Amino acid sequence: MTTTKEEKDWKLKLRYGKLSTPYKHFSVLADGLVGELEDGFECRPGRAWMAMKTWATNADESADMARVIGQQIGFTVDGKILIYDTEPEQPPSEKPYGYGILLRPYDEKV
């Protein structure tokens, strides 16, 4: 994966304090149920993990974002939510936001 000059610039500015944001970057894994998905998202119906990246004020807000965004796309969070501090792949914005949403189905143990 190649890094563009713009990507290097905002990452360096963020790292050295020339770009400031009130938000922290997180990666979220949420366990839940896939229903009827919005266009642009693919996953078989049933149990799945949703992964997404967020810029949020804290881990609680990041978890809330996973629930709300999941509901908007047809995914209901009804299990564990795991949140990790991670390096961003997209720059911060003026508001919290989520990106890089992926859904991965799994089979429940019987």
N, C-alpha and C. Protein backbone atom coordinates (compact mmCIF):
# COMPACT_ATOMS: atom_id res chain seq x y z
N MET A 1 0.85 -1.18 0.00
CA MET A 1 0.00 0.00 0.00
C MET A 1 0.89 1.24 0.00
N THR A 2 0.70 2.10 -0.97
CA THR A 2 1.51 3.31 -1.06
C THR A 2 0.83 4.43 -0.28
N THR A 3 1.65 5.30 0.27
CA THR A 3 1.16 6.43 1.02
C THR A 3 1.31 7.68 0.18
N THR A 4 0.21 8.42 0.04
CA THR A 4 0.24 9.65 -0.75
C THR A 4 0.83 10.79 0.08
N LYS A 5 1.25 11.84 -0.62
CA LYS A 5 1.81 13.01 0.07
C LYS A 5 0.78 13.65 1.00
N GLU A 6 -0.49 13.74 0.55
CA GLU A 6 -1.53 14.33 1.39
C GLU A 6 -1.72 13.53 2.67
N GLU A 7 -1.68 12.18 2.55
CA GLU A 7 -1.85 11.33 3.72
C GLU A 7 -0.69 11.53 4.69
N LYS A 8 0.53 11.57 4.17
CA LYS A 8 1.69 11.81 5.03
C LYS A 8 1.58 13.16 5.71
N ASP A 9 1.14 14.18 4.96
CA ASP A 9 1.05 15.53 5.51
C ASP A 9 0.11 15.60 6.71
N TRP A 10 -1.12 15.11 6.58
CA TRP A 10 -2.04 15.22 7.71
C TRP A 10 -1.61 14.36 8.88
N LYS A 11 -1.02 13.19 8.60
CA LYS A 11 -0.55 12.34 9.70
C LYS A 11 0.59 13.00 10.45
N LEU A 12 1.53 13.61 9.74
CA LEU A 12 2.63 14.32 10.38
C LEU A 12 2.13 15.52 11.16
N LYS A 13 1.22 16.29 10.56
CA LYS A 13 0.66 17.46 11.25
C LYS A 13 -0.06 17.05 12.52
N LEU A 14 -0.80 15.94 12.46
CA LEU A 14 -1.51 15.45 13.64
C LEU A 14 -0.52 14.99 14.71
N ARG A 15 0.48 14.23 14.30
CA ARG A 15 1.48 13.70 15.24
C ARG A 15 2.24 14.81 15.96
N TYR A 16 2.57 15.88 15.24
CA TYR A 16 3.40 16.94 15.83
C TYR A 16 2.60 18.17 16.27
N GLY A 17 1.28 18.03 16.37
CA GLY A 17 0.45 19.07 16.96
C GLY A 17 0.12 20.24 16.05
N LYS A 18 0.44 20.17 14.78
CA LYS A 18 0.08 21.26 13.86
C LYS A 18 -1.36 21.12 13.38
N LEU A 19 -1.92 19.94 13.55
CA LEU A 19 -3.32 19.67 13.28
C LEU A 19 -3.89 19.15 14.59
N SER A 20 -4.90 19.86 15.10
CA SER A 20 -5.45 19.41 16.38
C SER A 20 -6.90 18.99 16.20
N THR A 21 -7.32 18.10 17.06
CA THR A 21 -8.69 17.62 17.05
C THR A 21 -9.08 17.22 18.47
N PRO A 22 -10.34 17.43 18.81
CA PRO A 22 -10.79 16.98 20.14
C PRO A 22 -11.09 15.48 20.16
N TYR A 23 -10.91 14.81 19.02
CA TYR A 23 -11.30 13.41 18.90
C TYR A 23 -10.11 12.48 18.95
N LYS A 24 -10.40 11.24 19.34
CA LYS A 24 -9.41 10.16 19.33
C LYS A 24 -9.84 9.16 18.28
N HIS A 25 -8.88 8.39 17.79
CA HIS A 25 -9.19 7.39 16.77
C HIS A 25 -9.31 6.02 17.40
N PHE A 26 -10.37 5.28 17.01
CA PHE A 26 -10.63 3.94 17.53
C PHE A 26 -10.95 2.98 16.40
N SER A 27 -10.71 1.70 16.65
CA SER A 27 -11.25 0.63 15.82
C SER A 27 -12.23 -0.14 16.69
N VAL A 28 -13.38 -0.46 16.12
CA VAL A 28 -14.47 -1.07 16.86
C VAL A 28 -14.84 -2.40 16.22
N LEU A 29 -15.04 -3.41 17.05
CA LEU A 29 -15.62 -4.69 16.62
C LEU A 29 -16.90 -4.89 17.41
N ALA A 30 -18.01 -5.11 16.70
CA ALA A 30 -19.30 -5.27 17.36
C ALA A 30 -19.97 -6.55 16.89
N ASP A 31 -20.45 -7.33 17.84
CA ASP A 31 -21.13 -8.59 17.55
C ASP A 31 -22.62 -8.30 17.41
N GLY A 32 -23.23 -8.88 16.37
CA GLY A 32 -24.65 -8.61 16.19
C GLY A 32 -25.29 -9.44 15.11
N LEU A 33 -26.41 -8.92 14.63
CA LEU A 33 -27.26 -9.63 13.70
C LEU A 33 -27.48 -8.82 12.43
N VAL A 34 -27.17 -9.43 11.29
CA VAL A 34 -27.38 -8.79 10.00
C VAL A 34 -28.82 -9.05 9.56
N GLY A 35 -29.51 -7.97 9.20
CA GLY A 35 -30.85 -8.07 8.65
C GLY A 35 -30.80 -7.66 7.19
N GLU A 36 -31.75 -6.82 6.79
CA GLU A 36 -31.77 -6.31 5.42
C GLU A 36 -30.82 -5.12 5.35
N LEU A 37 -29.73 -5.29 4.60
CA LEU A 37 -28.68 -4.27 4.55
C LEU A 37 -28.98 -3.20 3.51
N GLU A 38 -28.49 -2.01 3.80
CA GLU A 38 -28.56 -0.90 2.86
C GLU A 38 -27.66 -1.18 1.67
N ASP A 39 -27.94 -0.53 0.55
CA ASP A 39 -27.09 -0.68 -0.64
C ASP A 39 -25.65 -0.32 -0.29
N GLY A 40 -24.73 -1.07 -0.86
CA GLY A 40 -23.32 -0.83 -0.62
C GLY A 40 -22.72 -1.74 0.44
N PHE A 41 -23.56 -2.48 1.15
CA PHE A 41 -23.09 -3.40 2.19
C PHE A 41 -23.53 -4.81 1.83
N GLU A 42 -22.62 -5.76 2.02
CA GLU A 42 -22.93 -7.15 1.70
C GLU A 42 -22.53 -8.06 2.85
N CYS A 43 -23.45 -8.95 3.20
CA CYS A 43 -23.20 -9.99 4.19
C CYS A 43 -24.45 -10.83 4.24
N ARG A 44 -24.28 -12.13 4.43
CA ARG A 44 -25.47 -12.98 4.53
C ARG A 44 -26.21 -12.64 5.82
N PRO A 45 -27.52 -12.82 5.84
CA PRO A 45 -28.29 -12.57 7.07
C PRO A 45 -27.85 -13.52 8.18
N GLY A 46 -27.92 -13.06 9.41
CA GLY A 46 -27.56 -13.87 10.56
C GLY A 46 -26.47 -13.24 11.39
N ARG A 47 -25.78 -14.05 12.17
CA ARG A 47 -24.73 -13.57 13.08
C ARG A 47 -23.53 -13.05 12.30
N ALA A 48 -22.97 -11.95 12.78
CA ALA A 48 -21.79 -11.36 12.14
C ALA A 48 -21.08 -10.42 13.10
N TRP A 49 -19.86 -10.11 12.74
CA TRP A 49 -19.09 -9.05 13.41
C TRP A 49 -19.05 -7.86 12.46
N MET A 50 -19.26 -6.68 13.00
CA MET A 50 -19.09 -5.45 12.24
C MET A 50 -17.81 -4.80 12.73
N ALA A 51 -16.94 -4.46 11.79
CA ALA A 51 -15.72 -3.72 12.11
C ALA A 51 -15.86 -2.33 11.52
N MET A 52 -15.41 -1.35 12.25
CA MET A 52 -15.40 0.01 11.72
C MET A 52 -14.35 0.82 12.48
N LYS A 53 -13.96 1.91 11.87
CA LYS A 53 -13.03 2.85 12.48
C LYS A 53 -13.81 4.11 12.81
N THR A 54 -13.47 4.76 13.91
CA THR A 54 -14.18 5.97 14.30
C THR A 54 -13.22 7.06 14.77
N TRP A 55 -13.63 8.27 14.55
CA TRP A 55 -13.09 9.43 15.23
C TRP A 55 -14.18 9.83 16.21
N ALA A 56 -13.90 9.75 17.51
CA ALA A 56 -14.90 10.01 18.54
C ALA A 56 -14.24 10.67 19.75
N THR A 57 -15.05 11.25 20.63
CA THR A 57 -14.50 11.91 21.81
C THR A 57 -13.94 10.90 22.82
N ASN A 58 -14.55 9.71 22.86
CA ASN A 58 -14.07 8.68 23.79
C ASN A 58 -14.60 7.31 23.35
N ALA A 59 -14.22 6.27 24.06
CA ALA A 59 -14.62 4.90 23.69
C ALA A 59 -16.13 4.71 23.79
N ASP A 60 -16.77 5.34 24.78
CA ASP A 60 -18.23 5.21 24.91
C ASP A 60 -18.95 5.78 23.69
N GLU A 61 -18.49 6.93 23.23
CA GLU A 61 -19.11 7.52 22.04
C GLU A 61 -18.87 6.63 20.82
N SER A 62 -17.69 6.04 20.74
CA SER A 62 -17.38 5.14 19.64
C SER A 62 -18.32 3.93 19.65
N ALA A 63 -18.60 3.38 20.82
CA ALA A 63 -19.55 2.26 20.95
C ALA A 63 -20.96 2.69 20.53
N ASP A 64 -21.36 3.88 20.96
CA ASP A 64 -22.67 4.41 20.57
C ASP A 64 -22.76 4.57 19.05
N MET A 65 -21.67 5.05 18.45
CA MET A 65 -21.64 5.21 17.01
C MET A 65 -21.81 3.87 16.31
N ALA A 66 -21.18 2.82 16.82
CA ALA A 66 -21.31 1.49 16.23
C ALA A 66 -22.77 1.04 16.27
N ARG A 67 -23.45 1.28 17.38
CA ARG A 67 -24.86 0.89 17.49
C ARG A 67 -25.72 1.68 16.49
N VAL A 68 -25.56 2.99 16.46
CA VAL A 68 -26.39 3.84 15.60
C VAL A 68 -26.10 3.60 14.12
N ILE A 69 -24.83 3.61 13.75
CA ILE A 69 -24.47 3.39 12.35
C ILE A 69 -24.87 1.98 11.93
N GLY A 70 -24.65 0.99 12.80
CA GLY A 70 -25.07 -0.37 12.50
C GLY A 70 -26.56 -0.43 12.19
N GLN A 71 -27.37 0.19 13.04
CA GLN A 71 -28.82 0.20 12.84
C GLN A 71 -29.18 0.86 11.50
N GLN A 72 -28.47 1.92 11.14
CA GLN A 72 -28.74 2.63 9.89
C GLN A 72 -28.47 1.76 8.67
N ILE A 73 -27.51 0.84 8.77
CA ILE A 73 -27.16 0.04 7.60
C ILE A 73 -27.83 -1.35 7.61
N GLY A 74 -28.55 -1.69 8.68
CA GLY A 74 -29.23 -2.98 8.75
C GLY A 74 -28.54 -4.01 9.63
N PHE A 75 -27.73 -3.54 10.57
CA PHE A 75 -27.01 -4.42 11.49
C PHE A 75 -27.39 -4.04 12.91
N THR A 76 -27.84 -5.02 13.69
CA THR A 76 -28.23 -4.76 15.08
C THR A 76 -27.16 -5.29 16.01
N VAL A 77 -26.55 -4.39 16.76
CA VAL A 77 -25.55 -4.79 17.76
C VAL A 77 -26.30 -5.36 18.96
N ASP A 78 -26.03 -6.63 19.27
CA ASP A 78 -26.70 -7.25 20.42
C ASP A 78 -25.73 -8.07 21.27
N GLY A 79 -24.45 -7.91 21.00
CA GLY A 79 -23.44 -8.65 21.75
C GLY A 79 -22.32 -7.74 22.19
N LYS A 80 -21.14 -8.32 22.30
CA LYS A 80 -19.96 -7.58 22.75
C LYS A 80 -19.58 -6.48 21.77
N ILE A 81 -19.02 -5.41 22.34
CA ILE A 81 -18.40 -4.35 21.55
C ILE A 81 -16.98 -4.21 22.08
N LEU A 82 -16.01 -4.42 21.20
CA LEU A 82 -14.60 -4.30 21.55
C LEU A 82 -14.06 -3.04 20.90
N ILE A 83 -13.33 -2.23 21.69
CA ILE A 83 -12.84 -0.95 21.18
C ILE A 83 -11.35 -0.85 21.44
N TYR A 84 -10.61 -0.44 20.43
CA TYR A 84 -9.16 -0.34 20.50
C TYR A 84 -8.70 1.04 20.03
N ASP A 85 -7.71 1.61 20.71
CA ASP A 85 -7.04 2.82 20.22
C ASP A 85 -6.18 2.40 19.03
N THR A 86 -6.36 3.05 17.88
CA THR A 86 -5.60 2.66 16.70
C THR A 86 -5.14 3.89 15.92
N GLU A 87 -4.21 3.66 15.02
CA GLU A 87 -3.73 4.71 14.13
C GLU A 87 -4.79 4.97 13.05
N PRO A 88 -5.04 6.23 12.75
CA PRO A 88 -6.06 6.54 11.74
C PRO A 88 -5.59 6.28 10.31
N GLU A 89 -6.56 6.00 9.46
CA GLU A 89 -6.31 5.88 8.03
C GLU A 89 -6.92 7.05 7.27
N GLN A 90 -7.82 7.78 7.94
CA GLN A 90 -8.41 8.98 7.36
C GLN A 90 -8.27 10.10 8.38
N PRO A 91 -8.17 11.33 7.90
CA PRO A 91 -7.98 12.46 8.82
C PRO A 91 -9.23 12.75 9.64
N PRO A 92 -9.05 13.45 10.77
CA PRO A 92 -10.21 13.84 11.58
C PRO A 92 -11.04 14.87 10.83
N SER A 93 -12.26 15.04 11.31
CA SER A 93 -13.18 16.00 10.73
C SER A 93 -13.63 16.96 11.83
N GLU A 94 -14.55 17.86 11.48
CA GLU A 94 -15.08 18.78 12.48
C GLU A 94 -16.04 18.09 13.43
N LYS A 95 -16.54 16.92 13.01
CA LYS A 95 -17.50 16.16 13.83
C LYS A 95 -17.02 14.72 13.93
N PRO A 96 -17.48 13.98 14.95
CA PRO A 96 -17.17 12.55 15.01
C PRO A 96 -17.73 11.84 13.77
N TYR A 97 -17.03 10.80 13.32
CA TYR A 97 -17.55 10.02 12.20
C TYR A 97 -16.93 8.64 12.18
N GLY A 98 -17.61 7.74 11.46
CA GLY A 98 -17.14 6.38 11.30
C GLY A 98 -16.87 6.09 9.84
N TYR A 99 -15.95 5.16 9.59
CA TYR A 99 -15.60 4.79 8.21
C TYR A 99 -15.04 3.38 8.19
N GLY A 100 -14.85 2.86 6.99
CA GLY A 100 -14.23 1.54 6.83
C GLY A 100 -15.07 0.41 7.39
N ILE A 101 -16.37 0.46 7.21
CA ILE A 101 -17.26 -0.55 7.79
C ILE A 101 -17.18 -1.86 7.01
N LEU A 102 -16.95 -2.94 7.74
CA LEU A 102 -16.91 -4.28 7.16
C LEU A 102 -17.79 -5.21 7.99
N LEU A 103 -18.45 -6.13 7.32
CA LEU A 103 -19.27 -7.12 8.00
C LEU A 103 -18.74 -8.51 7.68
N ARG A 104 -18.57 -9.34 8.70
CA ARG A 104 -18.07 -10.71 8.52
C ARG A 104 -18.99 -11.68 9.24
N PRO A 105 -19.65 -12.56 8.47
CA PRO A 105 -20.56 -13.52 9.11
C PRO A 105 -19.80 -14.62 9.84
N TYR A 106 -20.48 -15.24 10.79
CA TYR A 106 -19.92 -16.41 11.45
C TYR A 106 -21.07 -17.36 11.81
N ASP A 107 -20.73 -18.60 11.99
CA ASP A 107 -21.72 -19.60 12.39
C ASP A 107 -21.70 -19.74 13.90
N GLU A 108 -22.89 -19.72 14.49
CA GLU A 108 -23.00 -19.90 15.94
C GLU A 108 -22.71 -21.34 16.30
N LYS A 109 -22.08 -21.53 17.45
CA LYS A 109 -21.87 -22.88 17.96
C LYS A 109 -23.21 -23.39 18.48
N VAL A 110 -23.48 -24.64 18.22
CA VAL A 110 -24.75 -25.22 18.64
C VAL A 110 -24.61 -25.89 19.99
